[in-house]
Structures are given as C-alpha cells and as structure tokens.
Amino acid sequence: MSALEYVIIGVASAGLIAVVVVGAIMLWRRQVRRSLIGLTGRREAMAAAYRGLQSVFASLAEADADELTAFALDPDSGHRRSLEDLHSRMRMQAEELAEMTLPKQLWVVADCLGTAAALLAVETGRVGEADSPEAVLAALGAIDVPAVTVALDAANEAIDGLLAEHGIEDPSVYGGGMYI
C-alpha cells in the first residue's frame, strides 16, 4: 500500500470516529433532557399532592365539630382517605425515585424529589397510624408542613436550575405526559 492509501484510510477512520462521538454526545444529551422532563412530571405530581394536603387542612379548618369528630373517629372519612392516598402515592414516588436509573447529572434532583416525597409520605402516614381519636388529631397537628415546603422548594430549585441549563423553557404537563 502506498502512503496515500494510508492517509485516506486514516482520514476516513478519523471521520467515522468523529461521527460516532458526535452521535453519542447527541444521544446522551437527548437522554438527559428526557430524564429531566420525566423528573419535572414527578415534581408536578408532588406539587399536586402538596396542594391536596393543603386542601385537607383548609377543609378541616372550616369544619364544624361534627366533621372533626367524624375525621377523628372514622378511618373511612373522606379526609382520612385523602391523607392515606397521599401517603401511599408519595411512598411509591420516593421508592421509584430511589430506584430510577438516571444520568449522574440528575442524581441531585432525584434525591431532592425523593426526600420531599418520603417526607410527605411520613408526615401524612402518621394520621393513618394513629390508634385513637386524640392521636389522630395530634398526628394531624404534628404534620411538619414547613419541612415539607422546604424540601419541595429545594427540589423545585434544583429542577429549575437544570431546566435553565439545558434550555428547556416551558415543559408542559398534559395528562401525565410531558410535552415541550
């Protein structure tokens, strides 16, 4: 083989390697963006759960004595079922976030979301674990809403930073799916 043939083979090989590297980088960025959008959907689910908790508090704050008594005595009352539903959904959310395979860049975000979901699950689960009407009301009053708020704010801040870093300006949630 002549020197010219070796040069042609070398240039073609270098071009092929460059194409493979650029393609891999583009696929990696696409995967990071998709995973980030998926985490944004989970953030929206947690925000909805937090609004549900606020709704239960607002409803019970306006309740009369009979409604509060029904809440404390009846494990099947609407508000107790709402809290139990929040508990189970957030527990599942925390477990799923802990087991997700994500690019390393998104680990902090997933940890923040998992922490917020686990905290919300623990706080709402205390009401269902209470064994007497007094304990139910005490557990309701002991829900650490400021801690949940701080955890959700940390998760929101982490996600918003990565959304800005990746140029995702307006991820919209529709029916549980994410669309840009």
N, C-alpha and C. Protein backbone atom coordinates (compact mmCIF):
# COMPACT_ATOMS: atom_id res chain seq x y z
N MET A 1 0.84 -1.18 0.00
CA MET A 1 0.00 0.00 0.00
C MET A 1 0.88 1.24 0.00
N SER A 2 0.36 2.23 -0.67
CA SER A 2 1.12 3.47 -0.73
C SER A 2 0.75 4.37 0.44
N ALA A 3 1.53 5.39 0.61
CA ALA A 3 1.31 6.35 1.70
C ALA A 3 -0.03 7.05 1.53
N LEU A 4 -0.42 7.30 0.30
CA LEU A 4 -1.70 7.96 0.04
C LEU A 4 -2.87 7.10 0.50
N GLU A 5 -2.79 5.82 0.31
CA GLU A 5 -3.85 4.93 0.77
C GLU A 5 -3.96 4.93 2.29
N TYR A 6 -2.79 4.95 2.96
CA TYR A 6 -2.80 5.02 4.43
C TYR A 6 -3.41 6.32 4.93
N VAL A 7 -3.14 7.40 4.25
CA VAL A 7 -3.71 8.70 4.62
C VAL A 7 -5.22 8.68 4.44
N ILE A 8 -5.67 8.13 3.33
CA ILE A 8 -7.12 8.06 3.06
C ILE A 8 -7.80 7.20 4.12
N ILE A 9 -7.21 6.06 4.46
CA ILE A 9 -7.79 5.19 5.50
C ILE A 9 -7.78 5.91 6.85
N GLY A 10 -6.73 6.62 7.16
CA GLY A 10 -6.64 7.36 8.42
C GLY A 10 -7.67 8.47 8.51
N VAL A 11 -7.84 9.22 7.44
CA VAL A 11 -8.82 10.31 7.40
C VAL A 11 -10.24 9.75 7.51
N ALA A 12 -10.50 8.67 6.79
CA ALA A 12 -11.83 8.06 6.85
C ALA A 12 -12.12 7.52 8.25
N SER A 13 -11.13 6.91 8.86
CA SER A 13 -11.30 6.38 10.23
C SER A 13 -11.53 7.51 11.22
N ALA A 14 -10.76 8.59 11.09
CA ALA A 14 -10.94 9.73 11.98
C ALA A 14 -12.33 10.34 11.80
N GLY A 15 -12.79 10.43 10.56
CA GLY A 15 -14.13 10.96 10.29
C GLY A 15 -15.20 10.08 10.90
N LEU A 16 -15.04 8.77 10.76
CA LEU A 16 -16.01 7.83 11.33
C LEU A 16 -16.04 7.93 12.85
N ILE A 17 -14.87 8.03 13.45
CA ILE A 17 -14.80 8.17 14.92
C ILE A 17 -15.47 9.47 15.35
N ALA A 18 -15.23 10.55 14.62
CA ALA A 18 -15.85 11.84 14.95
C ALA A 18 -17.37 11.76 14.86
N VAL A 19 -17.87 11.09 13.83
CA VAL A 19 -19.33 10.94 13.67
C VAL A 19 -19.90 10.14 14.83
N VAL A 20 -19.23 9.06 15.21
CA VAL A 20 -19.70 8.24 16.33
C VAL A 20 -19.70 9.04 17.63
N VAL A 21 -18.65 9.79 17.88
CA VAL A 21 -18.56 10.58 19.11
C VAL A 21 -19.65 11.66 19.14
N VAL A 22 -19.82 12.37 18.04
CA VAL A 22 -20.86 13.41 17.98
C VAL A 22 -22.25 12.79 18.16
N GLY A 23 -22.48 11.65 17.53
CA GLY A 23 -23.77 10.96 17.68
C GLY A 23 -24.00 10.53 19.11
N ALA A 24 -22.98 9.99 19.76
CA ALA A 24 -23.11 9.57 21.16
C ALA A 24 -23.41 10.75 22.07
N ILE A 25 -22.74 11.87 21.83
CA ILE A 25 -22.99 13.07 22.64
C ILE A 25 -24.42 13.56 22.44
N MET A 26 -24.89 13.55 21.21
CA MET A 26 -26.26 14.00 20.94
C MET A 26 -27.28 13.07 21.60
N LEU A 27 -27.06 11.76 21.53
CA LEU A 27 -27.97 10.82 22.18
C LEU A 27 -27.94 10.97 23.69
N TRP A 28 -26.76 11.21 24.26
CA TRP A 28 -26.65 11.40 25.70
C TRP A 28 -27.42 12.65 26.14
N ARG A 29 -27.26 13.73 25.41
CA ARG A 29 -27.98 14.97 25.75
C ARG A 29 -29.49 14.75 25.64
N ARG A 30 -29.90 14.02 24.64
CA ARG A 30 -31.33 13.72 24.48
C ARG A 30 -31.84 12.92 25.67
N GLN A 31 -31.05 11.94 26.10
CA GLN A 31 -31.45 11.13 27.26
C GLN A 31 -31.53 11.98 28.52
N VAL A 32 -30.58 12.88 28.73
CA VAL A 32 -30.60 13.76 29.90
C VAL A 32 -31.85 14.63 29.86
N ARG A 33 -32.15 15.19 28.70
CA ARG A 33 -33.34 16.04 28.58
C ARG A 33 -34.62 15.24 28.86
N ARG A 34 -34.72 14.04 28.31
CA ARG A 34 -35.91 13.21 28.55
C ARG A 34 -36.05 12.86 30.02
N SER A 35 -34.95 12.50 30.64
CA SER A 35 -35.00 12.17 32.07
C SER A 35 -35.37 13.38 32.90
N LEU A 36 -34.84 14.54 32.53
CA LEU A 36 -35.16 15.77 33.25
C LEU A 36 -36.64 16.11 33.11
N ILE A 37 -37.18 15.92 31.93
CA ILE A 37 -38.60 16.18 31.72
C ILE A 37 -39.44 15.19 32.53
N GLY A 38 -39.00 13.94 32.60
CA GLY A 38 -39.69 12.95 33.44
C GLY A 38 -39.67 13.34 34.90
N LEU A 39 -38.54 13.86 35.37
CA LEU A 39 -38.46 14.33 36.76
C LEU A 39 -39.36 15.54 36.98
N THR A 40 -39.50 16.36 35.95
CA THR A 40 -40.40 17.51 36.06
C THR A 40 -41.84 17.04 36.23
N GLY A 41 -42.21 15.98 35.55
CA GLY A 41 -43.54 15.40 35.73
C GLY A 41 -43.74 14.89 37.15
N ARG A 42 -42.71 14.29 37.71
CA ARG A 42 -42.80 13.83 39.11
C ARG A 42 -42.91 15.01 40.06
N ARG A 43 -42.21 16.09 39.74
CA ARG A 43 -42.34 17.30 40.57
C ARG A 43 -43.78 17.80 40.55
N GLU A 44 -44.40 17.76 39.40
CA GLU A 44 -45.79 18.20 39.30
C GLU A 44 -46.71 17.30 40.11
N ALA A 45 -46.43 16.01 40.13
CA ALA A 45 -47.23 15.08 40.94
C ALA A 45 -47.09 15.40 42.42
N MET A 46 -45.88 15.74 42.83
CA MET A 46 -45.67 16.09 44.24
C MET A 46 -46.31 17.43 44.59
N ALA A 47 -46.27 18.35 43.66
CA ALA A 47 -46.95 19.64 43.89
C ALA A 47 -48.45 19.42 44.04
N ALA A 48 -49.01 18.52 43.25
CA ALA A 48 -50.44 18.21 43.37
C ALA A 48 -50.73 17.56 44.72
N ALA A 49 -49.85 16.68 45.17
CA ALA A 49 -50.04 16.05 46.48
C ALA A 49 -49.97 17.09 47.59
N TYR A 50 -49.05 18.02 47.47
CA TYR A 50 -48.93 19.09 48.46
C TYR A 50 -50.18 19.96 48.48
N ARG A 51 -50.70 20.26 47.30
CA ARG A 51 -51.96 21.03 47.24
C ARG A 51 -53.10 20.23 47.86
N GLY A 52 -53.08 18.91 47.68
CA GLY A 52 -54.09 18.05 48.32
C GLY A 52 -54.00 18.12 49.83
N LEU A 53 -52.78 18.11 50.36
CA LEU A 53 -52.59 18.25 51.80
C LEU A 53 -53.11 19.59 52.29
N GLN A 54 -52.80 20.64 51.56
CA GLN A 54 -53.30 21.97 51.92
C GLN A 54 -54.82 22.01 51.87
N SER A 55 -55.40 21.32 50.91
CA SER A 55 -56.85 21.28 50.78
C SER A 55 -57.48 20.59 51.99
N VAL A 56 -56.88 19.50 52.43
CA VAL A 56 -57.39 18.80 53.62
C VAL A 56 -57.32 19.72 54.83
N PHE A 57 -56.20 20.40 54.99
CA PHE A 57 -56.07 21.34 56.12
C PHE A 57 -57.11 22.45 56.03
N ALA A 58 -57.28 23.03 54.84
CA ALA A 58 -58.24 24.12 54.69
C ALA A 58 -59.66 23.62 54.97
N SER A 59 -59.99 22.46 54.49
CA SER A 59 -61.32 21.91 54.70
C SER A 59 -61.57 21.62 56.17
N LEU A 60 -60.57 21.04 56.83
CA LEU A 60 -60.74 20.75 58.26
C LEU A 60 -60.74 22.03 59.11
N ALA A 61 -60.04 23.06 58.65
CA ALA A 61 -60.05 24.32 59.39
C ALA A 61 -61.43 24.96 59.37
N GLU A 62 -62.18 24.73 58.29
CA GLU A 62 -63.52 25.29 58.17
C GLU A 62 -64.60 24.34 58.69
N ALA A 63 -64.19 23.13 59.09
CA ALA A 63 -65.15 22.11 59.52
C ALA A 63 -65.74 22.45 60.88
N ASP A 64 -66.96 21.97 61.08
CA ASP A 64 -67.58 22.13 62.40
C ASP A 64 -67.16 20.96 63.29
N ALA A 65 -67.64 20.96 64.51
CA ALA A 65 -67.25 19.95 65.49
C ALA A 65 -67.65 18.54 65.04
N ASP A 66 -68.80 18.41 64.41
CA ASP A 66 -69.24 17.09 63.95
C ASP A 66 -68.31 16.53 62.86
N GLU A 67 -67.90 17.38 61.95
CA GLU A 67 -67.00 16.93 60.89
C GLU A 67 -65.62 16.56 61.44
N LEU A 68 -65.13 17.34 62.41
CA LEU A 68 -63.85 17.00 63.04
C LEU A 68 -63.95 15.70 63.82
N THR A 69 -65.06 15.50 64.48
CA THR A 69 -65.27 14.26 65.22
C THR A 69 -65.31 13.07 64.25
N ALA A 70 -66.01 13.24 63.13
CA ALA A 70 -66.06 12.17 62.13
C ALA A 70 -64.66 11.89 61.58
N PHE A 71 -63.87 12.92 61.37
CA PHE A 71 -62.49 12.74 60.90
C PHE A 71 -61.68 11.94 61.92
N ALA A 72 -61.83 12.28 63.20
CA ALA A 72 -61.05 11.63 64.23
C ALA A 72 -61.50 10.19 64.49
N LEU A 73 -62.79 9.93 64.37
CA LEU A 73 -63.33 8.61 64.72
C LEU A 73 -63.37 7.63 63.56
N ASP A 74 -63.64 8.12 62.36
CA ASP A 74 -63.91 7.24 61.22
C ASP A 74 -62.70 7.14 60.29
N PRO A 75 -62.03 5.97 60.27
CA PRO A 75 -60.89 5.81 59.37
C PRO A 75 -61.28 5.88 57.88
N ASP A 76 -62.57 5.76 57.59
CA ASP A 76 -63.03 5.83 56.20
C ASP A 76 -63.57 7.21 55.83
N SER A 77 -63.34 8.20 56.68
CA SER A 77 -63.81 9.54 56.33
C SER A 77 -63.03 10.03 55.10
N GLY A 78 -63.64 10.92 54.38
CA GLY A 78 -63.04 11.41 53.14
C GLY A 78 -61.67 12.01 53.33
N HIS A 79 -61.50 12.80 54.37
CA HIS A 79 -60.21 13.45 54.61
C HIS A 79 -59.14 12.44 55.01
N ARG A 80 -59.52 11.47 55.82
CA ARG A 80 -58.55 10.43 56.22
C ARG A 80 -58.16 9.59 55.01
N ARG A 81 -59.12 9.29 54.14
CA ARG A 81 -58.79 8.55 52.92
C ARG A 81 -57.87 9.38 52.02
N SER A 82 -58.12 10.68 51.97
CA SER A 82 -57.25 11.56 51.17
C SER A 82 -55.82 11.53 51.69
N LEU A 83 -55.67 11.62 53.00
CA LEU A 83 -54.34 11.58 53.59
C LEU A 83 -53.67 10.23 53.36
N GLU A 84 -54.44 9.15 53.46
CA GLU A 84 -53.88 7.82 53.22
C GLU A 84 -53.47 7.66 51.76
N ASP A 85 -54.26 8.22 50.86
CA ASP A 85 -53.90 8.18 49.44
C ASP A 85 -52.62 8.97 49.19
N LEU A 86 -52.51 10.15 49.79
CA LEU A 86 -51.28 10.94 49.67
C LEU A 86 -50.09 10.15 50.20
N HIS A 87 -50.29 9.52 51.34
CA HIS A 87 -49.22 8.72 51.96
C HIS A 87 -48.75 7.62 51.01
N SER A 88 -49.66 6.85 50.47
CA SER A 88 -49.26 5.73 49.62
C SER A 88 -48.64 6.20 48.30
N ARG A 89 -49.20 7.25 47.71
CA ARG A 89 -48.64 7.75 46.45
C ARG A 89 -47.24 8.32 46.65
N MET A 90 -47.03 9.05 47.73
CA MET A 90 -45.71 9.64 47.96
C MET A 90 -44.69 8.57 48.38
N ARG A 91 -45.13 7.55 49.09
CA ARG A 91 -44.23 6.45 49.43
C ARG A 91 -43.77 5.75 48.15
N MET A 92 -44.70 5.48 47.24
CA MET A 92 -44.34 4.86 45.96
C MET A 92 -43.43 5.77 45.15
N GLN A 93 -43.74 7.06 45.16
CA GLN A 93 -42.93 8.02 44.42
C GLN A 93 -41.49 8.03 44.95
N ALA A 94 -41.33 8.02 46.27
CA ALA A 94 -39.99 8.02 46.86
C ALA A 94 -39.24 6.74 46.50
N GLU A 95 -39.92 5.60 46.53
CA GLU A 95 -39.28 4.33 46.17
C GLU A 95 -38.87 4.33 44.70
N GLU A 96 -39.74 4.80 43.84
CA GLU A 96 -39.42 4.84 42.41
C GLU A 96 -38.25 5.77 42.12
N LEU A 97 -38.21 6.92 42.79
CA LEU A 97 -37.12 7.85 42.58
C LEU A 97 -35.79 7.27 43.07
N ALA A 98 -35.85 6.49 44.14
CA ALA A 98 -34.63 5.88 44.66
C ALA A 98 -34.09 4.80 43.72
N GLU A 99 -34.97 4.18 42.95
CA GLU A 99 -34.56 3.07 42.09
C GLU A 99 -34.35 3.48 40.63
N MET A 100 -34.64 4.72 40.29
CA MET A 100 -34.51 5.15 38.89
C MET A 100 -33.05 5.17 38.45
N THR A 101 -32.85 4.74 37.22
CA THR A 101 -31.54 4.85 36.61
C THR A 101 -31.51 6.16 35.84
N LEU A 102 -30.63 7.05 36.30
CA LEU A 102 -30.57 8.38 35.71
C LEU A 102 -29.13 8.75 35.40
N PRO A 103 -28.94 9.68 34.48
CA PRO A 103 -27.60 10.22 34.29
C PRO A 103 -27.12 10.89 35.58
N LYS A 104 -25.83 10.82 35.84
CA LYS A 104 -25.27 11.33 37.09
C LYS A 104 -25.64 12.79 37.33
N GLN A 105 -25.75 13.54 36.28
CA GLN A 105 -26.09 14.95 36.37
C GLN A 105 -27.44 15.18 37.06
N LEU A 106 -28.33 14.19 37.02
CA LEU A 106 -29.68 14.34 37.57
C LEU A 106 -29.85 13.69 38.94
N TRP A 107 -28.80 13.11 39.48
CA TRP A 107 -28.91 12.43 40.77
C TRP A 107 -29.34 13.35 41.89
N VAL A 108 -28.79 14.56 41.92
CA VAL A 108 -29.14 15.50 42.99
C VAL A 108 -30.62 15.85 42.92
N VAL A 109 -31.12 16.07 41.71
CA VAL A 109 -32.54 16.40 41.53
C VAL A 109 -33.41 15.25 42.01
N ALA A 110 -33.06 14.03 41.60
CA ALA A 110 -33.84 12.86 42.02
C ALA A 110 -33.78 12.69 43.54
N ASP A 111 -32.62 12.95 44.13
CA ASP A 111 -32.51 12.85 45.60
C ASP A 111 -33.39 13.89 46.29
N CYS A 112 -33.39 15.11 45.77
CA CYS A 112 -34.24 16.16 46.35
C CYS A 112 -35.72 15.79 46.24
N LEU A 113 -36.12 15.31 45.07
CA LEU A 113 -37.50 14.90 44.88
C LEU A 113 -37.85 13.71 45.77
N GLY A 114 -36.95 12.75 45.87
CA GLY A 114 -37.17 11.59 46.72
C GLY A 114 -37.29 11.96 48.18
N THR A 115 -36.46 12.89 48.62
CA THR A 115 -36.52 13.36 50.01
C THR A 115 -37.86 14.03 50.28
N ALA A 116 -38.30 14.88 49.36
CA ALA A 116 -39.58 15.57 49.54
C ALA A 116 -40.73 14.57 49.55
N ALA A 117 -40.70 13.60 48.65
CA ALA A 117 -41.77 12.60 48.59
C ALA A 117 -41.78 11.74 49.85
N ALA A 118 -40.60 11.32 50.31
CA ALA A 118 -40.52 10.50 51.52
C ALA A 118 -41.01 11.28 52.74
N LEU A 119 -40.63 12.54 52.84
CA LEU A 119 -41.07 13.36 53.96
C LEU A 119 -42.59 13.54 53.95
N LEU A 120 -43.14 13.80 52.79
CA LEU A 120 -44.59 13.95 52.68
C LEU A 120 -45.29 12.63 53.02
N ALA A 121 -44.71 11.51 52.61
CA ALA A 121 -45.29 10.20 52.94
C ALA A 121 -45.27 9.96 54.45
N VAL A 122 -44.15 10.25 55.08
CA VAL A 122 -44.03 10.03 56.54
C VAL A 122 -45.01 10.92 57.29
N GLU A 123 -45.06 12.19 56.90
CA GLU A 123 -45.91 13.14 57.62
C GLU A 123 -47.39 12.79 57.48
N THR A 124 -47.83 12.42 56.29
CA THR A 124 -49.24 12.09 56.12
C THR A 124 -49.56 10.70 56.65
N GLY A 125 -48.57 9.82 56.71
CA GLY A 125 -48.80 8.47 57.21
C GLY A 125 -49.05 8.40 58.70
N ARG A 126 -48.61 9.40 59.42
CA ARG A 126 -48.80 9.40 60.88
C ARG A 126 -50.28 9.41 61.27
N VAL A 127 -51.09 10.06 60.47
CA VAL A 127 -52.52 10.11 60.78
C VAL A 127 -53.13 8.72 60.67
N GLY A 128 -52.78 7.99 59.64
CA GLY A 128 -53.31 6.64 59.46
C GLY A 128 -52.80 5.66 60.50
N GLU A 129 -51.62 5.92 61.06
CA GLU A 129 -51.05 5.04 62.07
C GLU A 129 -51.62 5.29 63.46
N ALA A 130 -52.29 6.41 63.65
CA ALA A 130 -52.82 6.75 64.97
C ALA A 130 -53.92 5.78 65.35
N ASP A 131 -53.95 5.43 66.64
CA ASP A 131 -54.90 4.40 67.08
C ASP A 131 -56.05 4.91 67.93
N SER A 132 -56.08 6.19 68.20
CA SER A 132 -57.20 6.74 68.96
C SER A 132 -57.58 8.09 68.34
N PRO A 133 -58.80 8.55 68.61
CA PRO A 133 -59.21 9.85 68.05
C PRO A 133 -58.29 10.99 68.47
N GLU A 134 -57.84 10.95 69.72
CA GLU A 134 -56.92 12.00 70.19
C GLU A 134 -55.60 11.94 69.43
N ALA A 135 -55.13 10.71 69.21
CA ALA A 135 -53.87 10.53 68.49
C ALA A 135 -54.00 10.96 67.03
N VAL A 136 -55.17 10.75 66.44
CA VAL A 136 -55.41 11.17 65.05
C VAL A 136 -55.29 12.69 64.96
N LEU A 137 -55.96 13.38 65.86
CA LEU A 137 -55.91 14.84 65.84
C LEU A 137 -54.51 15.35 66.17
N ALA A 138 -53.83 14.68 67.10
CA ALA A 138 -52.46 15.07 67.43
C ALA A 138 -51.53 14.85 66.23
N ALA A 139 -51.71 13.74 65.53
CA ALA A 139 -50.89 13.45 64.35
C ALA A 139 -51.15 14.48 63.25
N LEU A 140 -52.40 14.85 63.10
CA LEU A 140 -52.73 15.87 62.10
C LEU A 140 -52.05 17.19 62.45
N GLY A 141 -52.12 17.55 63.72
CA GLY A 141 -51.49 18.80 64.15
C GLY A 141 -49.97 18.75 64.10
N ALA A 142 -49.40 17.56 64.15
CA ALA A 142 -47.94 17.42 64.16
C ALA A 142 -47.34 17.33 62.77
N ILE A 143 -48.17 17.33 61.73
CA ILE A 143 -47.62 17.28 60.37
C ILE A 143 -46.74 18.51 60.17
N ASP A 144 -45.50 18.26 59.81
CA ASP A 144 -44.49 19.32 59.68
C ASP A 144 -44.56 19.93 58.27
N VAL A 145 -45.54 20.77 58.07
CA VAL A 145 -45.74 21.39 56.76
C VAL A 145 -44.54 22.27 56.36
N PRO A 146 -43.94 23.03 57.28
CA PRO A 146 -42.78 23.82 56.86
C PRO A 146 -41.61 22.96 56.35
N ALA A 147 -41.38 21.80 56.96
CA ALA A 147 -40.30 20.92 56.48
C ALA A 147 -40.62 20.39 55.09
N VAL A 148 -41.88 20.04 54.85
CA VAL A 148 -42.29 19.57 53.53
C VAL A 148 -42.11 20.69 52.51
N THR A 149 -42.48 21.90 52.89
CA THR A 149 -42.34 23.05 52.00
C THR A 149 -40.88 23.29 51.64
N VAL A 150 -40.00 23.22 52.64
CA VAL A 150 -38.57 23.42 52.40
C VAL A 150 -38.03 22.35 51.45
N ALA A 151 -38.43 21.10 51.66
CA ALA A 151 -37.97 20.00 50.79
C ALA A 151 -38.47 20.19 49.37
N LEU A 152 -39.73 20.58 49.21
CA LEU A 152 -40.27 20.81 47.87
C LEU A 152 -39.60 22.01 47.20
N ASP A 153 -39.32 23.04 47.97
CA ASP A 153 -38.63 24.21 47.41
C ASP A 153 -37.23 23.85 46.93
N ALA A 154 -36.52 23.02 47.70
CA ALA A 154 -35.18 22.59 47.29
C ALA A 154 -35.24 21.79 45.99
N ALA A 155 -36.23 20.91 45.88
CA ALA A 155 -36.40 20.12 44.66
C ALA A 155 -36.74 21.03 43.48
N ASN A 156 -37.64 21.98 43.70
CA ASN A 156 -38.01 22.91 42.63
C ASN A 156 -36.81 23.72 42.16
N GLU A 157 -36.01 24.18 43.10
CA GLU A 157 -34.82 24.97 42.76
C GLU A 157 -33.83 24.14 41.94
N ALA A 158 -33.62 22.90 42.35
CA ALA A 158 -32.69 22.03 41.63
C ALA A 158 -33.18 21.76 40.21
N ILE A 159 -34.47 21.47 40.07
CA ILE A 159 -35.03 21.20 38.74
C ILE A 159 -35.00 22.44 37.87
N ASP A 160 -35.40 23.58 38.44
CA ASP A 160 -35.41 24.81 37.65
C ASP A 160 -34.02 25.17 37.15
N GLY A 161 -33.00 24.93 37.98
CA GLY A 161 -31.62 25.19 37.56
C GLY A 161 -31.21 24.33 36.38
N LEU A 162 -31.55 23.05 36.43
CA LEU A 162 -31.20 22.17 35.32
C LEU A 162 -32.03 22.44 34.07
N LEU A 163 -33.29 22.82 34.26
CA LEU A 163 -34.11 23.18 33.10
C LEU A 163 -33.50 24.37 32.37
N ALA A 164 -33.06 25.37 33.14
CA ALA A 164 -32.43 26.54 32.54
C ALA A 164 -31.11 26.16 31.87
N GLU A 165 -30.34 25.31 32.54
CA GLU A 165 -29.04 24.89 31.99
C GLU A 165 -29.19 24.15 30.66
N HIS A 166 -30.26 23.41 30.52
CA HIS A 166 -30.48 22.64 29.29
C HIS A 166 -31.38 23.35 28.29
N GLY A 167 -31.75 24.58 28.60
CA GLY A 167 -32.53 25.37 27.66
C GLY A 167 -33.96 24.91 27.48
N ILE A 168 -34.50 24.23 28.48
CA ILE A 168 -35.89 23.80 28.43
C ILE A 168 -36.69 24.90 29.11
N GLU A 169 -37.37 25.70 28.30
CA GLU A 169 -38.02 26.89 28.83
C GLU A 169 -39.41 26.64 29.35
N ASP A 170 -40.19 25.79 28.68
CA ASP A 170 -41.58 25.63 29.08
C ASP A 170 -42.03 24.18 28.95
N PRO A 171 -41.60 23.34 29.89
CA PRO A 171 -42.14 21.97 29.85
C PRO A 171 -43.57 22.02 30.33
N SER A 172 -44.47 21.47 29.55
CA SER A 172 -45.88 21.48 29.90
C SER A 172 -46.34 20.09 30.24
N VAL A 173 -47.18 20.00 31.24
CA VAL A 173 -47.70 18.71 31.67
C VAL A 173 -49.11 18.58 31.11
N TYR A 174 -49.36 17.45 30.49
CA TYR A 174 -50.71 17.19 29.98
C TYR A 174 -51.02 15.72 30.18
N GLY A 175 -51.96 15.44 31.04
CA GLY A 175 -52.42 14.07 31.24
C GLY A 175 -51.33 13.12 31.70
N GLY A 176 -50.38 13.61 32.47
CA GLY A 176 -49.33 12.75 32.97
C GLY A 176 -48.16 12.62 32.02
N GLY A 177 -48.28 13.10 30.81
CA GLY A 177 -47.17 13.05 29.85
C GLY A 177 -46.53 14.42 29.76
N MET A 178 -45.32 14.46 29.33
CA MET A 178 -44.61 15.73 29.23
C MET A 178 -44.42 16.08 27.75
N TYR A 179 -44.67 17.33 27.44
CA TYR A 179 -44.51 17.78 26.07
C TYR A 179 -43.77 19.10 26.09
N ILE A 180 -42.89 19.26 25.13
CA ILE A 180 -42.16 20.54 25.01
C ILE A 180 -42.63 21.23 23.76
